[in-house]
Amino acid sequence: MQKFLNYIIFCVILSLATNCLAKRSPAFKIIDGDSLVLNGTEIRLEGIDAPEYKQVCYDKNKQAYRCGIKAYEFLQDFVKGKKVTCQKISIDRYKRQVSFCYANGVDINQAMVQNGWAVAYDHYDDKYVKDESLARKNKAGIWQGKFMRPEIWRALHRRK
């Protein structure tokens, strides 16, 4: 009987702890390699540009692969189980919040570039240019083979 009561108490405590953690962790959803939704706000990661979800790249063996999906998956894995916070910089023309975001305090934007799943979007800021050079040197992510810069890919695939 004592073991049963201990089990019930354990289950109640576990349930309460799970509910508390769920309330503390902001709800987020990854949209693609440089966009996410955090607490209902759509956010574009500042200073980077990831391959579009449908974009195809070529690996070191010249084999086509869905690099946009790979960027999405990397970001999803990178933030999984971590507390995500964002620092708003501006609002873009699509009414998205443009932000520097962090997973347990680690710069998500920088991680995407350093691991080769985004390029530095240096039109406004050169914060991640050195990270892009490092990824290129290490042949990380999209730098392992051939790819089209995401902004060029978007321009060529824009619906007319």
C-alpha atoms as a PDB file:
ATOM      1  CA  MET A   1       0.000   0.000   0.000  1.00  0.00           C
ATOM      2  CA  GLN A   2       2.864   2.386   0.855  1.00  0.00           C
ATOM      3  CA  LYS A   3       4.475   1.787  -2.573  1.00  0.00           C
ATOM      4  CA  PHE A   4       1.155   2.599  -4.247  1.00  0.00           C
ATOM      5  CA  LEU A   5       0.810   5.870  -2.272  1.00  0.00           C
ATOM      6  CA  ASN A   6       4.411   6.802  -3.095  1.00  0.00           C
ATOM      7  CA  TYR A   7       3.672   6.126  -6.768  1.00  0.00           C
ATOM      8  CA  ILE A   8       0.558   8.367  -6.675  1.00  0.00           C
ATOM      9  CA  ILE A   9       2.496  11.157  -4.943  1.00  0.00           C
ATOM     10  CA  PHE A  10       5.280  10.822  -7.528  1.00  0.00           C
ATOM     11  CA  CYS A  11       2.762  11.047 -10.391  1.00  0.00           C
ATOM     12  CA  VAL A  12       1.107  14.146  -8.910  1.00  0.00           C
ATOM     13  CA  ILE A  13       4.474  15.880  -8.417  1.00  0.00           C
ATOM     14  CA  LEU A  14       5.579  14.941 -11.951  1.00  0.00           C
ATOM     15  CA  SER A  15       2.330  16.276 -13.388  1.00  0.00           C
ATOM     16  CA  LEU A  16       2.663  19.560 -11.508  1.00  0.00           C
ATOM     17  CA  ALA A  17       6.300  19.952 -12.568  1.00  0.00           C
ATOM     18  CA  THR A  18       5.415  19.262 -16.203  1.00  0.00           C
ATOM     19  CA  ASN A  19       2.631  21.861 -16.126  1.00  0.00           C
ATOM     20  CA  CYS A  20       4.946  24.455 -14.558  1.00  0.00           C
ATOM     21  CA  LEU A  21       7.639  23.864 -17.165  1.00  0.00           C
ATOM     22  CA  ALA A  22       5.103  24.037 -19.992  1.00  0.00           C
ATOM     23  CA  LYS A  23       3.923  27.426 -18.732  1.00  0.00           C
ATOM     24  CA  ARG A  24       7.500  28.731 -18.428  1.00  0.00           C
ATOM     25  CA  SER A  25       8.594  27.662 -21.917  1.00  0.00           C
ATOM     26  CA  PRO A  26       7.408  29.994 -24.673  1.00  0.00           C
ATOM     27  CA  ALA A  27       5.551  28.252 -27.484  1.00  0.00           C
ATOM     28  CA  PHE A  28       7.440  28.305 -30.751  1.00  0.00           C
ATOM     29  CA  LYS A  29       7.259  26.786 -34.171  1.00  0.00           C
ATOM     30  CA  ILE A  30       9.932  26.729 -36.846  1.00  0.00           C
ATOM     31  CA  ILE A  31       8.727  27.999 -40.239  1.00  0.00           C
ATOM     32  CA  ASP A  32      11.967  27.608 -42.198  1.00  0.00           C
ATOM     33  CA  GLY A  33      15.706  28.079 -41.691  1.00  0.00           C
ATOM     34  CA  ASP A  34      15.452  31.762 -40.838  1.00  0.00           C
ATOM     35  CA  SER A  35      11.891  32.214 -39.569  1.00  0.00           C
ATOM     36  CA  LEU A  36       9.936  31.080 -36.562  1.00  0.00           C
ATOM     37  CA  VAL A  37       6.850  31.883 -34.529  1.00  0.00           C
ATOM     38  CA  LEU A  38       7.401  32.652 -30.853  1.00  0.00           C
ATOM     39  CA  ASN A  39       4.367  33.205 -28.631  1.00  0.00           C
ATOM     40  CA  GLY A  40       2.233  33.971 -31.680  1.00  0.00           C
ATOM     41  CA  THR A  41       4.693  36.466 -33.184  1.00  0.00           C
ATOM     42  CA  GLU A  42       6.271  35.673 -36.551  1.00  0.00           C
ATOM     43  CA  ILE A  43      10.005  36.377 -36.394  1.00  0.00           C
ATOM     44  CA  ARG A  44      12.642  36.674 -39.123  1.00  0.00           C
ATOM     45  CA  LEU A  45      16.195  36.025 -37.913  1.00  0.00           C
ATOM     46  CA  GLU A  46      18.264  39.210 -38.315  1.00  0.00           C
ATOM     47  CA  GLY A  47      21.420  39.215 -40.418  1.00  0.00           C
ATOM     48  CA  ILE A  48      21.025  35.800 -42.043  1.00  0.00           C
ATOM     49  CA  ASP A  49      19.376  34.262 -45.080  1.00  0.00           C
ATOM     50  CA  ALA A  50      18.695  30.513 -45.166  1.00  0.00           C
ATOM     51  CA  PRO A  51      17.816  28.432 -48.214  1.00  0.00           C
ATOM     52  CA  GLU A  52      14.119  28.529 -48.995  1.00  0.00           C
ATOM     53  CA  TYR A  53      12.094  25.518 -47.892  1.00  0.00           C
ATOM     54  CA  LYS A  54      11.695  24.240 -51.484  1.00  0.00           C
ATOM     55  CA  GLN A  55      15.231  25.145 -52.549  1.00  0.00           C
ATOM     56  CA  VAL A  56      17.519  22.448 -53.938  1.00  0.00           C
ATOM     57  CA  CYS A  57      21.317  22.469 -53.565  1.00  0.00           C
ATOM     58  CA  TYR A  58      24.060  20.057 -54.632  1.00  0.00           C
ATOM     59  CA  ASP A  59      26.322  18.168 -52.245  1.00  0.00           C
ATOM     60  CA  LYS A  60      30.038  17.469 -52.637  1.00  0.00           C
ATOM     61  CA  ASN A  61      29.159  14.502 -54.903  1.00  0.00           C
ATOM     62  CA  LYS A  62      27.017  16.744 -57.127  1.00  0.00           C
ATOM     63  CA  GLN A  63      23.843  15.034 -55.882  1.00  0.00           C
ATOM     64  CA  ALA A  64      20.754  17.215 -55.493  1.00  0.00           C
ATOM     65  CA  TYR A  65      19.283  17.544 -52.011  1.00  0.00           C
ATOM     66  CA  ARG A  66      16.609  19.693 -50.377  1.00  0.00           C
ATOM     67  CA  CYS A  67      18.865  22.196 -48.588  1.00  0.00           C
ATOM     68  CA  GLY A  68      15.870  24.290 -47.489  1.00  0.00           C
ATOM     69  CA  ILE A  69      14.505  21.312 -45.599  1.00  0.00           C
ATOM     70  CA  LYS A  70      17.965  20.596 -44.157  1.00  0.00           C
ATOM     71  CA  ALA A  71      18.191  24.201 -42.881  1.00  0.00           C
ATOM     72  CA  TYR A  72      14.722  23.856 -41.346  1.00  0.00           C
ATOM     73  CA  GLU A  73      15.687  20.558 -39.686  1.00  0.00           C
ATOM     74  CA  PHE A  74      18.955  21.973 -38.339  1.00  0.00           C
ATOM     75  CA  LEU A  75      17.150  24.926 -36.761  1.00  0.00           C
ATOM     76  CA  GLN A  76      14.466  22.657 -35.342  1.00  0.00           C
ATOM     77  CA  ASP A  77      17.073  20.351 -33.785  1.00  0.00           C
ATOM     78  CA  PHE A  78      19.150  23.285 -32.521  1.00  0.00           C
ATOM     79  CA  VAL A  79      16.281  24.799 -30.501  1.00  0.00           C
ATOM     80  CA  LYS A  80      14.652  21.534 -29.415  1.00  0.00           C
ATOM     81  CA  GLY A  81      14.158  21.447 -25.653  1.00  0.00           C
ATOM     82  CA  LYS A  82      15.782  24.849 -25.162  1.00  0.00           C
ATOM     83  CA  LYS A  83      14.401  28.152 -23.942  1.00  0.00           C
ATOM     84  CA  VAL A  84      14.122  30.431 -26.975  1.00  0.00           C
ATOM     85  CA  THR A  85      14.245  34.199 -26.516  1.00  0.00           C
ATOM     86  CA  CYS A  86      14.425  36.962 -29.103  1.00  0.00           C
ATOM     87  CA  GLN A  87      15.582  40.573 -29.115  1.00  0.00           C
ATOM     88  CA  LYS A  88      13.480  42.667 -31.502  1.00  0.00           C
ATOM     89  CA  ILE A  89      15.442  44.880 -33.888  1.00  0.00           C
ATOM     90  CA  SER A  90      12.742  46.030 -36.308  1.00  0.00           C
ATOM     91  CA  ILE A  91       9.655  45.071 -38.303  1.00  0.00           C
ATOM     92  CA  ASP A  92      10.078  44.080 -41.953  1.00  0.00           C
ATOM     93  CA  ARG A  93       7.839  44.884 -44.911  1.00  0.00           C
ATOM     94  CA  TYR A  94       5.902  41.656 -44.328  1.00  0.00           C
ATOM     95  CA  LYS A  95       5.077  42.807 -40.762  1.00  0.00           C
ATOM     96  CA  ARG A  96       7.401  40.212 -39.232  1.00  0.00           C
ATOM     97  CA  GLN A  97       9.510  41.010 -36.214  1.00  0.00           C
ATOM     98  CA  VAL A  98      13.193  40.987 -37.176  1.00  0.00           C
ATOM     99  CA  SER A  99      15.250  39.726 -34.235  1.00  0.00           C
ATOM    100  CA  PHE A 100      18.382  38.226 -32.812  1.00  0.00           C
ATOM    101  CA  CYS A 101      17.250  34.987 -31.174  1.00  0.00           C
ATOM    102  CA  TYR A 102      18.869  32.750 -28.611  1.00  0.00           C
ATOM    103  CA  ALA A 103      18.466  29.130 -27.493  1.00  0.00           C
ATOM    104  CA  ASN A 104      19.517  28.864 -23.860  1.00  0.00           C
ATOM    105  CA  GLY A 105      21.543  32.048 -24.440  1.00  0.00           C
ATOM    106  CA  VAL A 106      23.332  30.809 -27.603  1.00  0.00           C
ATOM    107  CA  ASP A 107      22.941  32.993 -30.714  1.00  0.00           C
ATOM    108  CA  ILE A 108      20.683  30.998 -33.066  1.00  0.00           C
ATOM    109  CA  ASN A 109      21.342  33.306 -36.029  1.00  0.00           C
ATOM    110  CA  GLN A 110      25.096  32.806 -35.688  1.00  0.00           C
ATOM    111  CA  ALA A 111      24.740  29.036 -35.269  1.00  0.00           C
ATOM    112  CA  MET A 112      22.784  28.818 -38.523  1.00  0.00           C
ATOM    113  CA  VAL A 113      25.572  30.622 -40.411  1.00  0.00           C
ATOM    114  CA  GLN A 114      28.484  28.870 -38.657  1.00  0.00           C
ATOM    115  CA  ASN A 115      26.999  25.463 -39.420  1.00  0.00           C
ATOM    116  CA  GLY A 116      26.469  26.349 -43.052  1.00  0.00           C
ATOM    117  CA  TRP A 117      22.651  26.364 -43.086  1.00  0.00           C
ATOM    118  CA  ALA A 118      22.361  30.103 -43.723  1.00  0.00           C
ATOM    119  CA  VAL A 119      24.476  32.819 -45.297  1.00  0.00           C
ATOM    120  CA  ALA A 120      25.260  36.206 -43.819  1.00  0.00           C
ATOM    121  CA  TYR A 121      22.677  38.678 -45.072  1.00  0.00           C
ATOM    122  CA  ASP A 122      25.031  41.610 -45.125  1.00  0.00           C
ATOM    123  CA  HIS A 123      22.858  44.235 -46.824  1.00  0.00           C
ATOM    124  CA  TYR A 124      22.358  46.000 -43.505  1.00  0.00           C
ATOM    125  CA  ASP A 125      24.857  44.460 -41.107  1.00  0.00           C
ATOM    126  CA  ASP A 126      28.094  42.480 -41.388  1.00  0.00           C
ATOM    127  CA  LYS A 127      27.772  40.754 -38.002  1.00  0.00           C
ATOM    128  CA  TYR A 128      27.886  37.205 -39.425  1.00  0.00           C
ATOM    129  CA  VAL A 129      30.288  37.662 -42.357  1.00  0.00           C
ATOM    130  CA  LYS A 130      33.209  36.059 -40.476  1.00  0.00           C
ATOM    131  CA  ASP A 131      30.947  33.148 -39.502  1.00  0.00           C
ATOM    132  CA  GLU A 132      30.081  32.634 -43.171  1.00  0.00           C
ATOM    133  CA  SER A 133      33.788  32.606 -44.080  1.00  0.00           C
ATOM    134  CA  LEU A 134      34.401  29.975 -41.415  1.00  0.00           C
ATOM    135  CA  ALA A 135      31.521  27.807 -42.686  1.00  0.00           C
ATOM    136  CA  ARG A 136      32.793  28.143 -46.258  1.00  0.00           C
ATOM    137  CA  LYS A 137      36.330  27.194 -45.183  1.00  0.00           C
ATOM    138  CA  ASN A 138      34.992  24.165 -43.272  1.00  0.00           C
ATOM    139  CA  LYS A 139      32.650  23.177 -46.128  1.00  0.00           C
ATOM    140  CA  ALA A 140      29.797  23.104 -43.621  1.00  0.00           C
ATOM    141  CA  GLY A 141      26.179  22.637 -44.666  1.00  0.00           C
ATOM    142  CA  ILE A 142      25.446  24.211 -48.043  1.00  0.00           C
ATOM    143  CA  TRP A 143      29.133  25.077 -48.476  1.00  0.00           C
ATOM    144  CA  GLN A 144      29.961  21.380 -49.064  1.00  0.00           C
ATOM    145  CA  GLY A 145      28.876  21.708 -52.683  1.00  0.00           C
ATOM    146  CA  LYS A 146      27.031  24.131 -54.951  1.00  0.00           C
ATOM    147  CA  PHE A 147      24.055  26.310 -54.107  1.00  0.00           C
ATOM    148  CA  MET A 148      22.352  29.483 -55.177  1.00  0.00           C
ATOM    149  CA  ARG A 149      22.211  32.294 -52.630  1.00  0.00           C
ATOM    150  CA  PRO A 150      18.677  32.295 -51.212  1.00  0.00           C
ATOM    151  CA  GLU A 151      17.838  35.840 -52.321  1.00  0.00           C
ATOM    152  CA  ILE A 152      18.741  34.969 -55.926  1.00  0.00           C
ATOM    153  CA  TRP A 153      16.757  31.716 -55.731  1.00  0.00           C
ATOM    154  CA  ARG A 154      13.724  33.673 -54.450  1.00  0.00           C
ATOM    155  CA  ALA A 155      14.008  36.210 -57.259  1.00  0.00           C
ATOM    156  CA  LEU A 156      14.123  33.458 -59.887  1.00  0.00           C
ATOM    157  CA  HIS A 157      11.222  31.548 -58.366  1.00  0.00           C
ATOM    158  CA  ARG A 158       8.949  34.463 -57.541  1.00  0.00           C
ATOM    159  CA  ARG A 159       5.408  33.884 -58.695  1.00  0.00           C
ATOM    160  CA  LYS A 160       4.510  36.128 -61.581  1.00  0.00           C
END
